[in-house]
N, C-alpha and C. Protein backbone atom coordinates (compact mmCIF):
# COMPACT_ATOMS: atom_id res chain seq x y z
N MET A 1 0.67 -1.02 -0.23
CA MET A 1 0.05 0.02 0.07
C MET A 1 0.70 1.01 0.34
N ILE A 2 2.07 1.47 0.80
CA ILE A 2 2.65 2.60 0.89
C ILE A 2 3.20 2.74 -0.85
N GLY A 3 3.99 1.52 -1.09
CA GLY A 3 4.54 1.38 -2.64
C GLY A 3 3.66 2.33 -3.89
N VAL A 4 2.12 2.14 -2.94
CA VAL A 4 1.65 2.34 -4.37
C VAL A 4 0.98 4.18 -4.29
N PHE A 5 1.32 4.31 -3.02
CA PHE A 5 1.06 5.75 -2.21
C PHE A 5 2.24 6.52 -2.87
N ILE A 6 3.39 5.82 -2.89
CA ILE A 6 4.43 6.35 -3.10
C ILE A 6 4.50 6.75 -4.60
N ILE A 7 4.06 5.75 -5.53
CA ILE A 7 3.76 5.89 -6.99
C ILE A 7 3.34 7.28 -7.56
N LYS A 8 1.94 7.05 -6.68
CA LYS A 8 0.95 8.59 -6.80
C LYS A 8 1.69 10.03 -6.34
N LEU A 9 2.75 9.72 -5.71
CA LEU A 9 3.20 10.87 -5.35
C LEU A 9 4.11 11.45 -6.71
N LYS A 10 4.72 10.81 -7.65
CA LYS A 10 5.45 11.17 -8.53
C LYS A 10 6.07 12.32 -8.58
N GLY A 11 6.54 13.31 -8.55
CA GLY A 11 8.08 14.05 -8.98
C GLY A 11 7.65 15.05 -7.25
N ASN A 12 7.20 14.23 -6.53
CA ASN A 12 6.84 15.60 -5.12
C ASN A 12 7.28 15.13 -4.05
N ILE A 13 8.37 14.33 -4.19
CA ILE A 13 8.53 13.43 -2.92
C ILE A 13 10.00 14.12 -2.81
N SER A 14 10.13 14.69 -1.22
CA SER A 14 11.63 15.62 -0.98
C SER A 14 12.41 14.88 -0.66
N ALA A 15 13.98 14.96 -0.79
CA ALA A 15 14.86 13.95 0.41
C ALA A 15 14.56 13.49 1.77
N GLU A 16 13.80 14.63 2.29
CA GLU A 16 13.60 13.94 3.88
C GLU A 16 12.21 12.89 3.60
N PHE A 17 11.61 13.18 3.01
CA PHE A 17 10.67 11.90 2.56
C PHE A 17 10.57 10.63 2.32
N THR A 18 11.71 10.89 1.26
CA THR A 18 13.26 9.76 0.66
C THR A 18 13.19 9.13 1.98
N ALA A 19 13.89 10.13 3.08
CA ALA A 19 15.10 9.54 3.82
C ALA A 19 14.53 9.39 5.37
N SER A 20 13.15 9.65 5.17
CA SER A 20 12.04 8.91 6.28
C SER A 20 11.73 7.51 5.95
N ILE A 21 11.71 7.46 4.80
CA ILE A 21 10.49 5.95 4.07
C ILE A 21 12.20 5.20 4.15
N VAL A 22 13.04 5.03 3.66
CA VAL A 22 14.31 4.43 3.79
C VAL A 22 14.45 4.60 5.30
N SER A 23 14.71 5.02 6.51
CA SER A 23 14.98 4.72 7.43
C SER A 23 13.94 3.84 8.26
N LEU A 24 12.13 4.53 7.83
CA LEU A 24 11.42 3.40 8.29
C LEU A 24 11.82 1.52 7.75
N VAL A 25 11.72 1.35 6.52
CA VAL A 25 12.26 0.06 5.51
C VAL A 25 12.90 -0.24 6.62
N GLU A 26 14.71 0.17 6.58
CA GLU A 26 15.50 -0.42 7.43
C GLU A 26 14.82 -1.35 8.45
N HIS A 27 14.44 0.33 9.36
CA HIS A 27 13.99 -0.74 10.78
C HIS A 27 13.36 -1.32 10.96
N TRP A 28 11.80 -1.87 10.20
CA TRP A 28 11.36 -2.89 9.54
C TRP A 28 12.16 -4.01 9.42
N PHE A 29 13.35 -4.13 8.39
CA PHE A 29 13.61 -5.33 7.89
C PHE A 29 14.60 -5.32 9.22
N LYS A 30 15.33 -4.71 10.09
CA LYS A 30 16.32 -5.06 11.13
C LYS A 30 15.50 -5.83 12.08
N SER A 31 13.95 -5.00 12.78
CA SER A 31 13.32 -5.76 13.87
C SER A 31 12.76 -6.89 13.09
N GLU A 32 12.19 -7.36 12.03
CA GLU A 32 12.08 -8.77 11.29
C GLU A 32 13.22 -9.68 11.57
N GLY A 33 14.58 -8.76 11.79
CA GLY A 33 15.32 -9.68 10.98
C GLY A 33 16.20 -10.27 9.91
N ARG A 34 15.55 -9.64 8.92
CA ARG A 34 15.09 -9.93 7.83
C ARG A 34 14.72 -9.03 6.48
N VAL A 35 15.02 -9.30 4.89
CA VAL A 35 14.42 -8.10 4.16
C VAL A 35 13.33 -9.16 3.87
N MET A 36 12.06 -8.50 3.47
CA MET A 36 10.77 -9.18 3.58
C MET A 36 10.00 -8.40 1.73
N ASN A 37 9.60 -9.10 1.16
CA ASN A 37 9.33 -8.60 -0.16
C ASN A 37 8.33 -7.12 0.42
N GLY A 38 7.72 -6.84 0.69
CA GLY A 38 7.42 -5.50 1.07
C GLY A 38 7.88 -4.44 1.44
N GLY A 39 9.04 -4.30 1.71
CA GLY A 39 9.89 -3.78 2.68
C GLY A 39 10.65 -3.56 0.30
N LEU A 40 10.94 -4.22 0.14
CA LEU A 40 11.57 -4.44 -1.52
C LEU A 40 10.79 -3.46 -2.50
N LEU A 41 9.48 -3.91 -2.07
CA LEU A 41 8.71 -3.21 -3.05
C LEU A 41 8.73 -1.60 -2.96
N ILE A 42 8.57 -0.94 -1.27
CA ILE A 42 8.72 0.39 -1.43
C ILE A 42 9.90 1.02 -1.45
N ILE A 43 10.80 0.00 -1.55
CA ILE A 43 12.43 0.10 -2.27
C ILE A 43 12.14 0.34 -3.48
N HIS A 44 11.30 -0.17 -4.57
CA HIS A 44 11.36 -0.19 -6.20
C HIS A 44 10.54 0.98 -6.03
N ALA A 45 9.33 1.19 -5.85
CA ALA A 45 8.78 2.55 -5.40
C ALA A 45 9.68 3.73 -5.64
N LEU A 46 10.10 3.73 -4.60
CA LEU A 46 11.29 5.51 -4.52
C LEU A 46 12.58 5.18 -5.16
N LEU A 47 12.42 4.55 -6.06
CA LEU A 47 13.49 4.04 -7.34
C LEU A 47 12.81 4.30 -8.16
N VAL A 48 11.78 4.42 -8.11
CA VAL A 48 10.51 5.00 -9.63
C VAL A 48 10.73 5.93 -9.97
N VAL A 49 10.33 6.54 -8.94
CA VAL A 49 9.89 8.03 -8.09
C VAL A 49 11.32 8.98 -8.25
N ASN A 50 11.92 8.64 -7.30
CA ASN A 50 12.79 9.37 -6.92
C ASN A 50 14.29 8.62 -7.13
N GLU A 51 14.99 8.38 -8.68
CA GLU A 51 15.92 7.63 -8.39
C GLU A 51 17.21 8.46 -7.70
N ARG A 52 17.38 9.37 -8.33
CA ARG A 52 18.89 10.20 -7.80
C ARG A 52 18.47 10.57 -6.24
N GLY A 53 17.57 10.45 -5.45
CA GLY A 53 17.49 10.77 -4.31
C GLY A 53 18.14 9.94 -3.51
N MET A 54 17.81 8.16 -4.53
CA MET A 54 18.00 6.96 -3.67
C MET A 54 19.35 6.49 -3.96
N GLN A 55 19.73 7.33 -4.35
CA GLN A 55 21.65 7.52 -4.71
C GLN A 55 22.14 7.90 -3.43
N ASN A 56 21.57 8.38 -2.70
CA ASN A 56 22.18 9.16 -1.42
C ASN A 56 22.29 7.95 -0.50
N HIS A 57 21.60 6.43 -0.44
CA HIS A 57 21.18 5.30 0.28
C HIS A 57 21.85 4.48 0.00
N TRP A 58 22.50 3.96 -1.13
CA TRP A 58 23.09 2.92 -1.56
C TRP A 58 23.74 2.43 -0.21
N ASP A 59 24.17 2.81 0.60
CA ASP A 59 25.08 1.93 1.27
C ASP A 59 23.24 0.11 1.85
N PHE A 60 22.25 1.17 2.20
CA PHE A 60 21.27 0.79 2.39
C PHE A 60 20.85 -0.53 1.49
N LEU A 61 20.76 0.64 0.04
CA LEU A 61 19.98 -0.45 -0.96
C LEU A 61 21.08 -1.80 -1.44
N GLU A 62 22.62 -1.55 -1.30
CA GLU A 62 22.85 -2.38 -1.55
C GLU A 62 22.68 -4.11 -0.25
N THR A 63 22.57 -3.35 0.41
CA THR A 63 22.70 -4.53 1.86
C THR A 63 21.64 -5.12 1.96
N ALA A 64 20.49 -4.06 1.77
CA ALA A 64 18.93 -4.82 1.48
C ALA A 64 18.40 -5.93 0.20
N ILE A 65 19.63 -5.16 -1.00
CA ILE A 65 19.01 -6.35 -1.55
C ILE A 65 20.80 -7.76 -2.11
N CYS A 66 21.58 -7.36 -1.53
CA CYS A 66 22.10 -8.92 -1.19
C CYS A 66 21.28 -9.43 -0.05
N ASP A 67 20.43 -8.84 0.68
CA ASP A 67 19.77 -9.89 1.60
C ASP A 67 18.77 -10.65 1.04
N GLY A 68 18.22 -9.29 0.46
CA GLY A 68 17.26 -10.64 -0.35
C GLY A 68 17.26 -11.36 -1.10
N ILE A 69 18.74 -11.61 -2.37
CA ILE A 69 18.98 -12.38 -3.27
C ILE A 69 19.13 -13.52 -2.21
N THR A 70 19.93 -13.38 -0.78
CA THR A 70 20.38 -14.36 -0.19
C THR A 70 18.55 -15.15 0.19
N ASN A 71 17.88 -14.58 0.89
CA ASN A 71 16.64 -14.95 1.59
C ASN A 71 15.89 -16.18 1.06
N LYS A 72 16.66 -17.53 2.41
CA LYS A 72 16.03 -19.00 1.93
C LYS A 72 15.01 -18.82 2.19
N GLU A 73 14.25 -17.76 2.73
CA GLU A 73 12.57 -18.36 3.59
C GLU A 73 11.73 -17.25 2.66
N ASP A 74 11.86 -16.61 1.78
CA ASP A 74 10.93 -15.75 1.14
C ASP A 74 12.07 -16.09 0.36
N SER A 75 10.79 -17.22 -0.72
CA SER A 75 11.85 -16.53 -2.40
C SER A 75 11.52 -15.84 -3.35
N SER A 76 9.99 -14.67 -2.47
CA SER A 76 9.30 -13.60 -3.61
C SER A 76 10.29 -12.94 -3.75
N ALA A 77 10.74 -12.59 -1.86
CA ALA A 77 11.69 -11.42 -1.70
C ALA A 77 12.91 -11.86 -2.79
N GLY A 78 13.34 -13.01 -3.59
CA GLY A 78 14.53 -12.54 -3.54
C GLY A 78 14.06 -12.44 -4.89
N ARG A 79 12.78 -12.97 -5.70
CA ARG A 79 13.01 -11.94 -7.13
C ARG A 79 12.68 -10.66 -7.03
N ILE A 80 12.14 -10.24 -5.92
CA ILE A 80 12.04 -8.56 -6.20
C ILE A 80 13.52 -7.78 -6.29
N ALA A 81 14.25 -9.05 -5.46
CA ALA A 81 15.56 -8.55 -5.00
C ALA A 81 16.45 -8.29 -6.45
N CYS A 82 16.42 -9.38 -7.37
CA CYS A 82 16.59 -9.24 -8.43
C CYS A 82 16.43 -8.31 -9.46
N GLY A 83 15.12 -8.03 -9.37
CA GLY A 83 14.33 -7.02 -10.27
C GLY A 83 14.95 -5.52 -9.74
N LEU A 84 15.59 -5.42 -8.85
CA LEU A 84 15.78 -4.50 -7.63
C LEU A 84 17.13 -3.50 -8.39
N VAL A 85 17.92 -5.13 -8.78
CA VAL A 85 19.44 -4.95 -9.15
C VAL A 85 19.21 -4.83 -11.15
N SER A 86 18.11 -4.71 -11.33
CA SER A 86 17.75 -3.92 -13.08
C SER A 86 17.31 -3.22 -12.81
N ASP A 87 16.94 -2.53 -12.16
CA ASP A 87 15.97 -1.25 -11.80
C ASP A 87 17.61 -0.39 -11.29
N LEU A 88 18.55 -0.68 -10.36
CA LEU A 88 19.12 -0.24 -10.40
C LEU A 88 20.82 0.25 -11.32
N SER A 89 20.84 -1.32 -12.30
CA SER A 89 21.55 -0.16 -13.46
C SER A 89 21.32 0.17 -14.54
N ASN A 90 19.74 0.37 -14.38
CA ASN A 90 18.94 1.26 -15.88
C ASN A 90 19.79 2.72 -14.99
N TYR A 91 18.96 2.97 -13.31
CA TYR A 91 19.29 4.25 -12.90
C TYR A 91 20.29 5.13 -12.87
N PHE A 92 22.05 3.40 -12.55
CA PHE A 92 22.84 4.09 -11.72
C PHE A 92 23.88 3.36 -12.51
N GLU A 93 24.11 3.09 -13.83
CA GLU A 93 24.92 2.18 -14.63
C GLU A 93 26.29 1.97 -14.11
N GLN A 94 26.78 2.69 -13.56
CA GLN A 94 28.72 3.05 -13.59
C GLN A 94 28.25 2.19 -12.45
N ASP A 95 27.47 2.74 -11.48
CA ASP A 95 27.65 2.76 -10.26
C ASP A 95 27.36 1.48 -9.42
N VAL A 96 26.15 0.26 -10.58
CA VAL A 96 26.39 -0.91 -9.66
C VAL A 96 27.50 -1.93 -10.05
N GLN A 97 28.32 -1.48 -10.04
CA GLN A 97 29.84 -2.39 -10.92
C GLN A 97 30.42 -2.29 -9.51
N ARG A 98 29.86 -1.35 -8.70
CA ARG A 98 30.86 -1.82 -7.31
C ARG A 98 30.31 -2.19 -6.09
N SER A 99 28.77 -2.72 -6.87
CA SER A 99 28.23 -4.06 -6.25
C SER A 99 27.97 -4.95 -7.07
N ALA A 100 28.91 -5.44 -7.88
CA ALA A 100 28.99 -6.40 -8.65
C ALA A 100 28.96 -8.07 -7.45
N ASN A 101 30.17 -7.60 -7.11
CA ASN A 101 30.07 -9.16 -6.55
C ASN A 101 28.79 -9.73 -5.57
N CYS A 102 28.30 -8.13 -4.86
CA CYS A 102 27.09 -8.81 -4.05
C CYS A 102 26.32 -8.89 -5.08
N PHE A 103 25.81 -8.80 -5.73
CA PHE A 103 24.60 -9.02 -6.59
C PHE A 103 25.12 -10.44 -7.47
N LEU A 104 25.64 -10.34 -7.86
CA LEU A 104 26.00 -11.85 -8.68
C LEU A 104 26.42 -13.13 -7.68
């Protein structure tokens, strides 16, 4: 639901809003002790509407995606994480190379 709300906002997302949502998702993952597909979908929505703003959160993106890919409990999280690698490749071409070892 949050992802749909974010998509509807389109270009009207501030850096502060993006940081707040990233922080919320990060805390959610930490409190659950794992990456979940719902949080990854929120990350996808943020990338779609504010890709440049998400570049400031690269370390979190890399960790969340790598944890999602290796999540053996939730195969849908792995599929969504693989899709996020594709999104990052489209938005941040050269920056993705620095995380290639993790993503592959």
